[in-house]
Amino acid sequence: MDQINYNLYLNVSGIIKFLKKVIQV
């Protein structure tokens, strides 16, 4: 369960970083 939650956290943080990049451009 912890591993799944950790993977979800990484995916969400990665998506947020990607969206911030797109918005800044």
C-alpha atoms as a PDB file:
ATOM      1  CA  MET A   1       0.000   0.000   0.000  1.00  0.00           C
ATOM      2  CA  ASP A   2       2.778   2.434   0.913  1.00  0.00           C
ATOM      3  CA  GLN A   3       4.534   1.757  -2.391  1.00  0.00           C
ATOM      4  CA  ILE A   4       1.323   2.458  -4.330  1.00  0.00           C
ATOM      5  CA  ASN A   5       0.734   5.702  -2.445  1.00  0.00           C
ATOM      6  CA  TYR A   6       4.357   6.737  -3.069  1.00  0.00           C
ATOM      7  CA  ASN A   7       4.003   6.057  -6.800  1.00  0.00           C
ATOM      8  CA  LEU A   8       0.768   8.073  -6.919  1.00  0.00           C
ATOM      9  CA  TYR A   9       2.504  10.955  -5.133  1.00  0.00           C
ATOM     10  CA  LEU A  10       5.365  10.902  -7.667  1.00  0.00           C
ATOM     11  CA  ASN A  11       2.917  10.839 -10.583  1.00  0.00           C
ATOM     12  CA  VAL A  12       0.850  13.728  -9.194  1.00  0.00           C
ATOM     13  CA  SER A  13       3.925  15.848  -8.431  1.00  0.00           C
ATOM     14  CA  GLY A  14       5.270  15.109 -11.919  1.00  0.00           C
ATOM     15  CA  ILE A  15       1.981  16.151 -13.549  1.00  0.00           C
ATOM     16  CA  ILE A  16       1.900  19.372 -11.497  1.00  0.00           C
ATOM     17  CA  LYS A  17       5.469  20.229 -12.548  1.00  0.00           C
ATOM     18  CA  PHE A  18       4.556  19.522 -16.184  1.00  0.00           C
ATOM     19  CA  LEU A  19       1.443  21.725 -15.999  1.00  0.00           C
ATOM     20  CA  LYS A  20       3.452  24.556 -14.395  1.00  0.00           C
ATOM     21  CA  LYS A  21       5.965  24.310 -17.259  1.00  0.00           C
ATOM     22  CA  VAL A  22       3.196  24.455 -19.870  1.00  0.00           C
ATOM     23  CA  ILE A  23       1.477  27.403 -18.149  1.00  0.00           C
ATOM     24  CA  GLN A  24       4.737  29.374 -17.912  1.00  0.00           C
ATOM     25  CA  VAL A  25       5.498  28.961 -21.625  1.00  0.00           C
END
